[in-house]
Structure formats: structure tokens, C-alpha cells
PDB file of all heavy atoms in Angstrom:
ATOM      1  N   LEU A   1     167.847  28.906  31.292  1.00  0.00           N
ATOM      2  CA  LEU A   1     166.847  29.008  30.159  1.00  0.00           C
ATOM      3  C   LEU A   1     167.441  28.642  28.773  1.00  0.00           C
ATOM      4  O   LEU A   1     166.792  27.917  28.036  1.00  0.00           O
ATOM      5  CB  LEU A   1     166.235  30.435  30.080  1.00  0.00           C
ATOM      6  CG  LEU A   1     165.299  30.813  31.230  1.00  0.00           C
ATOM      7  CD1 LEU A   1     164.890  32.288  31.119  1.00  0.00           C
ATOM      8  CD2 LEU A   1     164.055  30.004  31.249  1.00  0.00           C
ATOM      9  N   LEU A   2     168.701  29.086  28.537  1.00  0.00           N
ATOM     10  CA  LEU A   2     169.368  28.716  27.342  1.00  0.00           C
ATOM     11  C   LEU A   2     169.546  27.208  27.285  1.00  0.00           C
ATOM     12  O   LEU A   2     169.352  26.568  26.192  1.00  0.00           O
ATOM     13  CB  LEU A   2     170.688  29.439  27.239  1.00  0.00           C
ATOM     14  CG  LEU A   2     170.650  30.932  26.960  1.00  0.00           C
ATOM     15  CD1 LEU A   2     172.021  31.526  27.081  1.00  0.00           C
ATOM     16  CD2 LEU A   2     170.021  31.208  25.592  1.00  0.00           C
ATOM     17  N   PHE A   3     169.959  26.606  28.372  1.00  0.00           N
ATOM     18  CA  PHE A   3     170.184  25.157  28.382  1.00  0.00           C
ATOM     19  C   PHE A   3     168.843  24.424  28.200  1.00  0.00           C
ATOM     20  O   PHE A   3     168.755  23.436  27.520  1.00  0.00           O
ATOM     21  CB  PHE A   3     170.805  24.728  29.779  1.00  0.00           C
ATOM     22  CG  PHE A   3     170.878  23.236  29.978  1.00  0.00           C
ATOM     23  CD1 PHE A   3     171.926  22.504  29.340  1.00  0.00           C
ATOM     24  CD2 PHE A   3     169.996  22.597  30.761  1.00  0.00           C
ATOM     25  CE1 PHE A   3     171.986  21.175  29.515  1.00  0.00           C
ATOM     26  CE2 PHE A   3     170.053  21.238  30.990  1.00  0.00           C
ATOM     27  CZ  PHE A   3     171.051  20.510  30.330  1.00  0.00           C
ATOM     28  N   PHE A   4     167.751  24.947  28.874  1.00  0.00           N
ATOM     29  CA  PHE A   4     166.468  24.295  28.746  1.00  0.00           C
ATOM     30  C   PHE A   4     165.978  24.354  27.298  1.00  0.00           C
ATOM     31  O   PHE A   4     165.522  23.261  26.759  1.00  0.00           O
ATOM     32  CB  PHE A   4     165.465  25.016  29.649  1.00  0.00           C
ATOM     33  CG  PHE A   4     164.035  24.600  29.466  1.00  0.00           C
ATOM     34  CD1 PHE A   4     163.567  23.428  30.054  1.00  0.00           C
ATOM     35  CD2 PHE A   4     163.176  25.373  28.697  1.00  0.00           C
ATOM     36  CE1 PHE A   4     162.252  22.983  29.899  1.00  0.00           C
ATOM     37  CE2 PHE A   4     161.849  24.968  28.520  1.00  0.00           C
ATOM     38  CZ  PHE A   4     161.389  23.834  29.159  1.00  0.00           C
ATOM     39  N   TYR A   5     166.042  25.439  26.657  1.00  0.00           N
ATOM     40  CA  TYR A   5     165.583  25.570  25.282  1.00  0.00           C
ATOM     41  C   TYR A   5     166.403  24.744  24.314  1.00  0.00           C
ATOM     42  O   TYR A   5     165.922  24.185  23.317  1.00  0.00           O
ATOM     43  CB  TYR A   5     165.458  26.996  24.832  1.00  0.00           C
ATOM     44  CG  TYR A   5     164.243  27.701  25.444  1.00  0.00           C
ATOM     45  CD1 TYR A   5     164.464  28.763  26.367  1.00  0.00           C
ATOM     46  CD2 TYR A   5     162.935  27.285  25.200  1.00  0.00           C
ATOM     47  CE1 TYR A   5     163.322  29.398  26.914  1.00  0.00           C
ATOM     48  CE2 TYR A   5     161.809  27.953  25.821  1.00  0.00           C
ATOM     49  CZ  TYR A   5     162.014  28.990  26.652  1.00  0.00           C
ATOM     50  OH  TYR A   5     160.978  29.578  27.254  1.00  0.00           O
ATOM     51  N   ALA A   6     167.740  24.670  24.565  1.00  0.00           N
ATOM     52  CA  ALA A   6     168.582  23.887  23.753  1.00  0.00           C
ATOM     53  C   ALA A   6     168.270  22.391  23.871  1.00  0.00           C
ATOM     54  O   ALA A   6     168.185  21.705  22.884  1.00  0.00           O
ATOM     55  CB  ALA A   6     170.063  24.127  24.089  1.00  0.00           C
ATOM     56  N   SER A   7     167.982  21.941  25.127  1.00  0.00           N
ATOM     57  CA  SER A   7     167.624  20.580  25.339  1.00  0.00           C
ATOM     58  C   SER A   7     166.241  20.337  24.727  1.00  0.00           C
ATOM     59  O   SER A   7     166.010  19.243  24.140  1.00  0.00           O
ATOM     60  CB  SER A   7     167.515  20.326  26.885  1.00  0.00           C
ATOM     61  OG  SER A   7     168.788  20.641  27.465  1.00  0.00           O
ATOM     62  N   LEU A   8     165.321  21.253  24.811  1.00  0.00           N
ATOM     63  CA  LEU A   8     164.008  21.036  24.267  1.00  0.00           C
ATOM     64  C   LEU A   8     164.109  20.939  22.695  1.00  0.00           C
ATOM     65  O   LEU A   8     163.413  20.065  22.130  1.00  0.00           O
ATOM     66  CB  LEU A   8     163.125  22.286  24.544  1.00  0.00           C
ATOM     67  CG  LEU A   8     161.661  22.213  24.078  1.00  0.00           C
ATOM     68  CD1 LEU A   8     160.902  21.060  24.611  1.00  0.00           C
ATOM     69  CD2 LEU A   8     160.916  23.541  24.426  1.00  0.00           C
ATOM     70  N   LEU A   9     164.935  21.763  22.087  1.00  0.00           N
ATOM     71  CA  LEU A   9     165.173  21.673  20.654  1.00  0.00           C
ATOM     72  C   LEU A   9     165.704  20.306  20.251  1.00  0.00           C
ATOM     73  O   LEU A   9     165.282  19.691  19.278  1.00  0.00           O
ATOM     74  CB  LEU A   9     166.107  22.805  20.160  1.00  0.00           C
ATOM     75  CG  LEU A   9     166.404  22.858  18.697  1.00  0.00           C
ATOM     76  CD1 LEU A   9     165.080  23.026  17.883  1.00  0.00           C
ATOM     77  CD2 LEU A   9     167.334  23.960  18.368  1.00  0.00           C
ATOM     78  N   LEU A  10     166.709  19.854  21.011  1.00  0.00           N
ATOM     79  CA  LEU A  10     167.346  18.518  20.770  1.00  0.00           C
ATOM     80  C   LEU A  10     166.301  17.432  20.927  1.00  0.00           C
ATOM     81  O   LEU A  10     166.223  16.478  20.088  1.00  0.00           O
ATOM     82  CB  LEU A  10     168.524  18.309  21.738  1.00  0.00           C
ATOM     83  CG  LEU A  10     169.281  16.997  21.562  1.00  0.00           C
ATOM     84  CD1 LEU A  10     169.922  16.936  20.155  1.00  0.00           C
ATOM     85  CD2 LEU A  10     170.285  16.881  22.647  1.00  0.00           C
ATOM     86  N   PHE A  11     165.442  17.550  21.938  1.00  0.00           N
ATOM     87  CA  PHE A  11     164.386  16.560  22.161  1.00  0.00           C
ATOM     88  C   PHE A  11     163.405  16.469  20.972  1.00  0.00           C
ATOM     89  O   PHE A  11     163.035  15.398  20.488  1.00  0.00           O
ATOM     90  CB  PHE A  11     163.647  16.907  23.470  1.00  0.00           C
ATOM     91  CG  PHE A  11     162.421  16.029  23.686  1.00  0.00           C
ATOM     92  CD1 PHE A  11     162.573  14.712  24.240  1.00  0.00           C
ATOM     93  CD2 PHE A  11     161.161  16.488  23.431  1.00  0.00           C
ATOM     94  CE1 PHE A  11     161.449  13.958  24.479  1.00  0.00           C
ATOM     95  CE2 PHE A  11     160.014  15.625  23.607  1.00  0.00           C
ATOM     96  CZ  PHE A  11     160.190  14.414  24.163  1.00  0.00           C
ATOM     97  N   ILE A  12     163.064  17.691  20.464  1.00  0.00           N
ATOM     98  CA  ILE A  12     162.125  17.706  19.324  1.00  0.00           C
ATOM     99  C   ILE A  12     162.778  17.126  18.093  1.00  0.00           C
ATOM    100  O   ILE A  12     162.076  16.350  17.329  1.00  0.00           O
ATOM    101  CB  ILE A  12     161.693  19.175  19.004  1.00  0.00           C
ATOM    102  CG1 ILE A  12     160.842  19.666  20.134  1.00  0.00           C
ATOM    103  CG2 ILE A  12     160.928  19.327  17.733  1.00  0.00           C
ATOM    104  CD1 ILE A  12     160.550  21.205  20.125  1.00  0.00           C
ATOM    105  N   ILE A  13     164.043  17.354  17.851  1.00  0.00           N
ATOM    106  CA  ILE A  13     164.756  16.782  16.712  1.00  0.00           C
ATOM    107  C   ILE A  13     164.808  15.308  16.810  1.00  0.00           C
ATOM    108  O   ILE A  13     164.567  14.583  15.810  1.00  0.00           O
ATOM    109  CB  ILE A  13     166.102  17.388  16.555  1.00  0.00           C
ATOM    110  CG1 ILE A  13     166.044  18.893  16.243  1.00  0.00           C
ATOM    111  CG2 ILE A  13     166.945  16.661  15.503  1.00  0.00           C
ATOM    112  CD1 ILE A  13     167.327  19.640  16.263  1.00  0.00           C
ATOM    113  N   VAL A  14     165.149  14.763  18.008  1.00  0.00           N
ATOM    114  CA  VAL A  14     165.313  13.283  18.140  1.00  0.00           C
ATOM    115  C   VAL A  14     163.978  12.602  18.081  1.00  0.00           C
ATOM    116  O   VAL A  14     163.852  11.574  17.329  1.00  0.00           O
ATOM    117  CB  VAL A  14     165.984  13.040  19.529  1.00  0.00           C
ATOM    118  CG1 VAL A  14     165.994  11.514  19.771  1.00  0.00           C
ATOM    119  CG2 VAL A  14     167.473  13.523  19.522  1.00  0.00           C
ATOM    120  N   VAL A  15     162.978  13.083  18.774  1.00  0.00           N
ATOM    121  CA  VAL A  15     161.673  12.393  18.824  1.00  0.00           C
ATOM    122  C   VAL A  15     160.899  12.612  17.523  1.00  0.00           C
ATOM    123  O   VAL A  15     160.101  11.760  17.129  1.00  0.00           O
ATOM    124  CB  VAL A  15     160.832  12.899  20.034  1.00  0.00           C
ATOM    125  CG1 VAL A  15     159.466  12.188  20.110  1.00  0.00           C
ATOM    126  CG2 VAL A  15     161.634  12.595  21.253  1.00  0.00           C
ATOM    127  N   THR A  16     161.136  13.728  16.857  1.00  0.00           N
ATOM    128  CA  THR A  16     160.485  14.185  15.602  1.00  0.00           C
ATOM    129  C   THR A  16     159.199  14.985  15.945  1.00  0.00           C
ATOM    130  O   THR A  16     158.393  14.521  16.815  1.00  0.00           O
ATOM    131  CB  THR A  16     160.187  13.073  14.588  1.00  0.00           C
ATOM    132  OG1 THR A  16     159.085  12.292  15.067  1.00  0.00           O
ATOM    133  CG2 THR A  16     161.380  12.198  14.351  1.00  0.00           C
ATOM    134  N   PRO A  17     158.996  16.057  15.251  1.00  0.00           N
ATOM    135  CA  PRO A  17     157.838  16.908  15.444  1.00  0.00           C
ATOM    136  C   PRO A  17     156.503  16.194  15.255  1.00  0.00           C
ATOM    137  O   PRO A  17     155.546  16.390  15.935  1.00  0.00           O
ATOM    138  CB  PRO A  17     157.941  18.047  14.488  1.00  0.00           C
ATOM    139  CG  PRO A  17     159.414  18.155  14.232  1.00  0.00           C
ATOM    140  CD  PRO A  17     159.945  16.746  14.309  1.00  0.00           C
ATOM    141  N   GLY A  18     156.498  15.213  14.281  1.00  0.00           N
ATOM    142  CA  GLY A  18     155.245  14.495  13.931  1.00  0.00           C
ATOM    143  C   GLY A  18     154.782  13.637  15.118  1.00  0.00           C
ATOM    144  O   GLY A  18     153.611  13.643  15.445  1.00  0.00           O
ATOM    145  N   ARG A  19     155.657  12.917  15.761  1.00  0.00           N
ATOM    146  CA  ARG A  19     155.382  12.086  16.830  1.00  0.00           C
ATOM    147  C   ARG A  19     154.899  12.912  18.091  1.00  0.00           C
ATOM    148  O   ARG A  19     153.950  12.508  18.802  1.00  0.00           O
ATOM    149  CB  ARG A  19     156.515  11.175  17.227  1.00  0.00           C
ATOM    150  CG  ARG A  19     156.784  10.085  16.157  1.00  0.00           C
ATOM    151  CD  ARG A  19     158.092   9.385  16.403  1.00  0.00           C
ATOM    152  NE  ARG A  19     158.052   8.588  17.677  1.00  0.00           N
ATOM    153  CZ  ARG A  19     159.043   7.961  18.181  1.00  0.00           C
ATOM    154  NH1 ARG A  19     160.243   7.993  17.591  1.00  0.00           N
ATOM    155  NH2 ARG A  19     158.929   7.290  19.349  1.00  0.00           N
ATOM    156  N   ILE A  20     155.574  13.975  18.313  1.00  0.00           N
ATOM    157  CA  ILE A  20     155.240  14.869  19.406  1.00  0.00           C
ATOM    158  C   ILE A  20     153.781  15.404  19.182  1.00  0.00           C
ATOM    159  O   ILE A  20     153.004  15.460  20.082  1.00  0.00           O
ATOM    160  CB  ILE A  20     156.221  16.032  19.620  1.00  0.00           C
ATOM    161  CG1 ILE A  20     157.567  15.419  20.033  1.00  0.00           C
ATOM    162  CG2 ILE A  20     155.726  16.997  20.637  1.00  0.00           C
ATOM    163  CD1 ILE A  20     158.673  16.417  20.012  1.00  0.00           C
ATOM    164  N   ALA A  21     153.552  15.891  17.927  1.00  0.00           N
ATOM    165  CA  ALA A  21     152.262  16.451  17.657  1.00  0.00           C
ATOM    166  C   ALA A  21     151.154  15.437  17.802  1.00  0.00           C
ATOM    167  O   ALA A  21     150.092  15.774  18.309  1.00  0.00           O
ATOM    168  CB  ALA A  21     152.254  17.011  16.199  1.00  0.00           C
ATOM    169  N   GLN A  22     151.420  14.220  17.371  1.00  0.00           N
ATOM    170  CA  GLN A  22     150.382  13.143  17.503  1.00  0.00           C
ATOM    171  C   GLN A  22     150.131  12.851  18.985  1.00  0.00           C
ATOM    172  O   GLN A  22     148.936  12.693  19.356  1.00  0.00           O
ATOM    173  CB  GLN A  22     150.854  11.898  16.787  1.00  0.00           C
ATOM    174  CG  GLN A  22     149.834  10.750  16.746  1.00  0.00           C
ATOM    175  CD  GLN A  22     148.611  11.197  15.914  1.00  0.00           C
ATOM    176  OE1 GLN A  22     148.663  11.542  14.783  1.00  0.00           O
ATOM    177  NE2 GLN A  22     147.425  11.094  16.588  1.00  0.00           N
ATOM    178  N   PHE A  23     151.174  12.811  19.760  1.00  0.00           N
ATOM    179  CA  PHE A  23     150.978  12.556  21.195  1.00  0.00           C
ATOM    180  C   PHE A  23     150.150  13.675  21.881  1.00  0.00           C
ATOM    181  O   PHE A  23     149.236  13.373  22.611  1.00  0.00           O
ATOM    182  CB  PHE A  23     152.409  12.456  21.922  1.00  0.00           C
ATOM    183  CG  PHE A  23     152.322  12.342  23.426  1.00  0.00           C
ATOM    184  CD1 PHE A  23     152.117  11.103  23.970  1.00  0.00           C
ATOM    185  CD2 PHE A  23     152.467  13.468  24.235  1.00  0.00           C
ATOM    186  CE1 PHE A  23     152.027  10.969  25.343  1.00  0.00           C
ATOM    187  CE2 PHE A  23     152.376  13.325  25.580  1.00  0.00           C
ATOM    188  CZ  PHE A  23     152.129  12.074  26.153  1.00  0.00           C
ATOM    189  N   VAL A  24     150.506  14.935  21.580  1.00  0.00           N
ATOM    190  CA  VAL A  24     149.725  16.024  22.135  1.00  0.00           C
ATOM    191  C   VAL A  24     148.254  16.011  21.650  1.00  0.00           C
ATOM    192  O   VAL A  24     147.300  16.249  22.407  1.00  0.00           O
ATOM    193  CB  VAL A  24     150.370  17.391  21.724  1.00  0.00           C
ATOM    194  CG1 VAL A  24     149.480  18.583  22.208  1.00  0.00           C
ATOM    195  CG2 VAL A  24     151.752  17.481  22.305  1.00  0.00           C
ATOM    196  N   HIS A  25     148.018  15.654  20.355  1.00  0.00           N
ATOM    197  CA  HIS A  25     146.696  15.561  19.814  1.00  0.00           C
ATOM    198  C   HIS A  25     145.882  14.501  20.529  1.00  0.00           C
ATOM    199  O   HIS A  25     144.719  14.674  20.899  1.00  0.00           O
ATOM    200  CB  HIS A  25     146.753  15.205  18.305  1.00  0.00           C
ATOM    201  CG  HIS A  25     145.386  15.052  17.701  1.00  0.00           C
ATOM    202  ND1 HIS A  25     144.742  13.863  17.691  1.00  0.00           N
ATOM    203  CD2 HIS A  25     144.591  15.968  17.085  1.00  0.00           C
ATOM    204  CE1 HIS A  25     143.542  14.041  17.089  1.00  0.00           C
ATOM    205  NE2 HIS A  25     143.425  15.316  16.729  1.00  0.00           N
ATOM    206  N   ASP A  26     146.504  13.334  20.797  1.00  0.00           N
ATOM    207  CA  ASP A  26     145.813  12.197  21.516  1.00  0.00           C
ATOM    208  C   ASP A  26     145.455  12.635  22.926  1.00  0.00           C
ATOM    209  O   ASP A  26     144.386  12.291  23.374  1.00  0.00           O
ATOM    210  CB  ASP A  26     146.711  10.977  21.506  1.00  0.00           C
ATOM    211  CG  ASP A  26     146.926  10.422  20.112  1.00  0.00           C
ATOM    212  OD1 ASP A  26     146.143  10.752  19.225  1.00  0.00           O
ATOM    213  OD2 ASP A  26     147.868   9.614  19.909  1.00  0.00           O
ATOM    214  N   ARG A  27     146.366  13.338  23.609  1.00  0.00           N
ATOM    215  CA  ARG A  27     146.048  13.791  24.938  1.00  0.00           C
ATOM    216  C   ARG A  27     144.947  14.816  24.964  1.00  0.00           C
ATOM    217  O   ARG A  27     144.129  14.848  25.873  1.00  0.00           O
ATOM    218  CB  ARG A  27     147.351  14.373  25.633  1.00  0.00           C
ATOM    219  CG  ARG A  27     148.516  13.374  25.771  1.00  0.00           C
ATOM    220  CD  ARG A  27     148.240  12.242  26.712  1.00  0.00           C
ATOM    221  NE  ARG A  27     147.407  11.161  26.187  1.00  0.00           N
ATOM    222  CZ  ARG A  27     147.803  10.295  25.250  1.00  0.00           C
ATOM    223  NH1 ARG A  27     149.062  10.334  24.799  1.00  0.00           N
ATOM    224  NH2 ARG A  27     146.978   9.387  24.861  1.00  0.00           N
ATOM    225  N   ALA A  28     144.975  15.670  23.916  1.00  0.00           N
ATOM    226  CA  ALA A  28     143.877  16.696  23.838  1.00  0.00           C
ATOM    227  C   ALA A  28     142.529  16.040  23.635  1.00  0.00           C
ATOM    228  O   ALA A  28     141.528  16.509  24.193  1.00  0.00           O
ATOM    229  CB  ALA A  28     144.227  17.663  22.686  1.00  0.00           C
ATOM    230  N   GLN A  29     142.567  14.973  22.843  1.00  0.00           N
ATOM    231  CA  GLN A  29     141.266  14.223  22.604  1.00  0.00           C
ATOM    232  C   GLN A  29     140.813  13.579  23.906  1.00  0.00           C
ATOM    233  O   GLN A  29     139.613  13.408  24.125  1.00  0.00           O
ATOM    234  CB  GLN A  29     141.463  13.196  21.494  1.00  0.00           C
ATOM    235  CG  GLN A  29     141.722  13.870  20.138  1.00  0.00           C
ATOM    236  CD  GLN A  29     140.656  14.873  19.802  1.00  0.00           C
ATOM    237  OE1 GLN A  29     139.468  14.672  19.789  1.00  0.00           O
ATOM    238  NE2 GLN A  29     141.115  16.131  19.521  1.00  0.00           N
ATOM    239  N   ASP A  30     141.766  13.146  24.734  1.00  0.00           N
ATOM    240  CA  ASP A  30     141.400  12.542  26.028  1.00  0.00           C
ATOM    241  C   ASP A  30     140.753  13.598  26.937  1.00  0.00           C
ATOM    242  O   ASP A  30     139.715  13.281  27.585  1.00  0.00           O
ATOM    243  CB  ASP A  30     142.630  12.027  26.777  1.00  0.00           C
ATOM    244  CG  ASP A  30     143.253  10.813  26.111  1.00  0.00           C
ATOM    245  OD1 ASP A  30     142.534  10.105  25.310  1.00  0.00           O
ATOM    246  OD2 ASP A  30     144.478  10.550  26.296  1.00  0.00           O
ATOM    247  N   ILE A  31     141.246  14.809  26.881  1.00  0.00           N
ATOM    248  CA  ILE A  31     140.612  15.951  27.622  1.00  0.00           C
ATOM    249  C   ILE A  31     139.249  16.182  27.072  1.00  0.00           C
ATOM    250  O   ILE A  31     138.291  16.413  27.847  1.00  0.00           O
ATOM    251  CB  ILE A  31     141.460  17.157  27.592  1.00  0.00           C
ATOM    252  CG1 ILE A  31     142.828  16.907  28.255  1.00  0.00           C
ATOM    253  CG2 ILE A  31     140.755  18.356  28.182  1.00  0.00           C
ATOM    254  CD1 ILE A  31     143.829  18.103  28.114  1.00  0.00           C
ATOM    255  N   ARG A  32     139.105  16.196  25.742  1.00  0.00           N
ATOM    256  CA  ARG A  32     137.847  16.463  25.091  1.00  0.00           C
ATOM    257  C   ARG A  32     136.763  15.426  25.465  1.00  0.00           C
ATOM    258  O   ARG A  32     135.600  15.780  25.561  1.00  0.00           O
ATOM    259  CB  ARG A  32     138.018  16.557  23.633  1.00  0.00           C
ATOM    260  CG  ARG A  32     136.763  16.993  22.819  1.00  0.00           C
ATOM    261  CD  ARG A  32     137.077  17.287  21.419  1.00  0.00           C
ATOM    262  NE  ARG A  32     135.916  17.800  20.725  1.00  0.00           N
ATOM    263  CZ  ARG A  32     135.924  18.478  19.573  1.00  0.00           C
ATOM    264  NH1 ARG A  32     137.100  18.743  19.002  1.00  0.00           N
ATOM    265  NH2 ARG A  32     134.859  18.940  19.037  1.00  0.00           N
ATOM    266  N   ARG A  33     137.152  14.220  25.671  1.00  0.00           N
ATOM    267  CA  ARG A  33     136.204  13.158  25.984  1.00  0.00           C
ATOM    268  C   ARG A  33     135.762  13.209  27.490  1.00  0.00           C
ATOM    269  O   ARG A  33     134.743  12.607  27.836  1.00  0.00           O
ATOM    270  CB  ARG A  33     136.793  11.758  25.681  1.00  0.00           C
ATOM    271  CG  ARG A  33     136.788  11.492  24.201  1.00  0.00           C
ATOM    272  CD  ARG A  33     137.212  10.015  23.980  1.00  0.00           C
ATOM    273  NE  ARG A  33     138.610   9.768  24.089  1.00  0.00           N
ATOM    274  CZ  ARG A  33     139.494   9.879  23.133  1.00  0.00           C
ATOM    275  NH1 ARG A  33     139.098  10.212  21.908  1.00  0.00           N
ATOM    276  NH2 ARG A  33     140.778   9.701  23.339  1.00  0.00           N
ATOM    277  N   LEU A  34     136.507  13.951  28.244  1.00  0.00           N
ATOM    278  CA  LEU A  34     136.085  14.115  29.672  1.00  0.00           C
ATOM    279  C   LEU A  34     134.804  15.015  29.689  1.00  0.00           C
ATOM    280  O   LEU A  34     134.665  15.975  28.980  1.00  0.00           O
ATOM    281  CB  LEU A  34     137.221  14.786  30.474  1.00  0.00           C
ATOM    282  CG  LEU A  34     138.501  13.932  30.680  1.00  0.00           C
ATOM    283  CD1 LEU A  34     139.559  14.758  31.380  1.00  0.00           C
ATOM    284  CD2 LEU A  34     138.191  12.680  31.504  1.00  0.00           C
ATOM    285  N   ARG A  35     134.005  14.628  30.718  1.00  0.00           N
ATOM    286  CA  ARG A  35     132.741  15.388  30.862  1.00  0.00           C
ATOM    287  C   ARG A  35     132.986  16.905  31.185  1.00  0.00           C
ATOM    288  O   ARG A  35     132.313  17.783  30.692  1.00  0.00           O
ATOM    289  CB  ARG A  35     131.868  14.823  31.879  1.00  0.00           C
ATOM    290  CG  ARG A  35     130.482  15.385  31.980  1.00  0.00           C
ATOM    291  CD  ARG A  35     129.612  14.612  33.006  1.00  0.00           C
ATOM    292  NE  ARG A  35     128.284  15.179  33.125  1.00  0.00           N
ATOM    293  CZ  ARG A  35     127.332  14.747  33.947  1.00  0.00           C
ATOM    294  NH1 ARG A  35     127.622  13.652  34.642  1.00  0.00           N
ATOM    295  NH2 ARG A  35     126.190  15.334  34.019  1.00  0.00           N
ATOM    296  N   TYR A  36     134.000  17.102  32.065  1.00  0.00           N
ATOM    297  CA  TYR A  36     134.305  18.453  32.496  1.00  0.00           C
ATOM    298  C   TYR A  36     135.713  18.905  31.970  1.00  0.00           C
ATOM    299  O   TYR A  36     136.415  19.626  32.655  1.00  0.00           O
ATOM    300  CB  TYR A  36     134.256  18.516  34.035  1.00  0.00           C
ATOM    301  CG  TYR A  36     132.900  18.159  34.616  1.00  0.00           C
ATOM    302  CD1 TYR A  36     132.673  16.956  35.230  1.00  0.00           C
ATOM    303  CD2 TYR A  36     131.799  19.020  34.436  1.00  0.00           C
ATOM    304  CE1 TYR A  36     131.436  16.631  35.725  1.00  0.00           C
ATOM    305  CE2 TYR A  36     130.583  18.706  34.892  1.00  0.00           C
ATOM    306  CZ  TYR A  36     130.371  17.508  35.563  1.00  0.00           C
ATOM    307  OH  TYR A  36     129.127  17.216  36.066  1.00  0.00           O
ATOM    308  N   GLY A  37     136.041  18.441  30.837  1.00  0.00           N
ATOM    309  CA  GLY A  37     137.332  18.818  30.227  1.00  0.00           C
ATOM    310  C   GLY A  37     137.512  20.278  30.081  1.00  0.00           C
ATOM    311  O   GLY A  37     138.595  20.848  30.428  1.00  0.00           O
ATOM    312  N   SER A  38     136.530  20.991  29.592  1.00  0.00           N
ATOM    313  CA  SER A  38     136.666  22.479  29.410  1.00  0.00           C
ATOM    314  C   SER A  38     136.831  23.147  30.754  1.00  0.00           C
ATOM    315  O   SER A  38     137.505  24.180  30.866  1.00  0.00           O
ATOM    316  CB  SER A  38     135.451  23.060  28.670  1.00  0.00           C
ATOM    317  OG  SER A  38     134.270  22.727  29.320  1.00  0.00           O
TER     318      SER A  38
END
């Protein structure tokens, strides 16, 4: 778990929180456009 969270933190720093947030937002909108997304 320590290794996992350290790797996750490193991934966030390298990719940047803004790009990750935008990616998650776009996928969330894909779900929202689905007829049975909820």
C-alpha cells in the first residue's frame, strides 16, 4: 500500500493534477451521455 500510494503520488506529479482532472471530467461526461449511465 505504501508503494502503491507513493507511485500514485509520483504519477499525479508527473502527469499534473489538471490533466488528470480533465481526463476524469471527460469520462464522466461520457457516462452522463449514456442513456443508462446512472
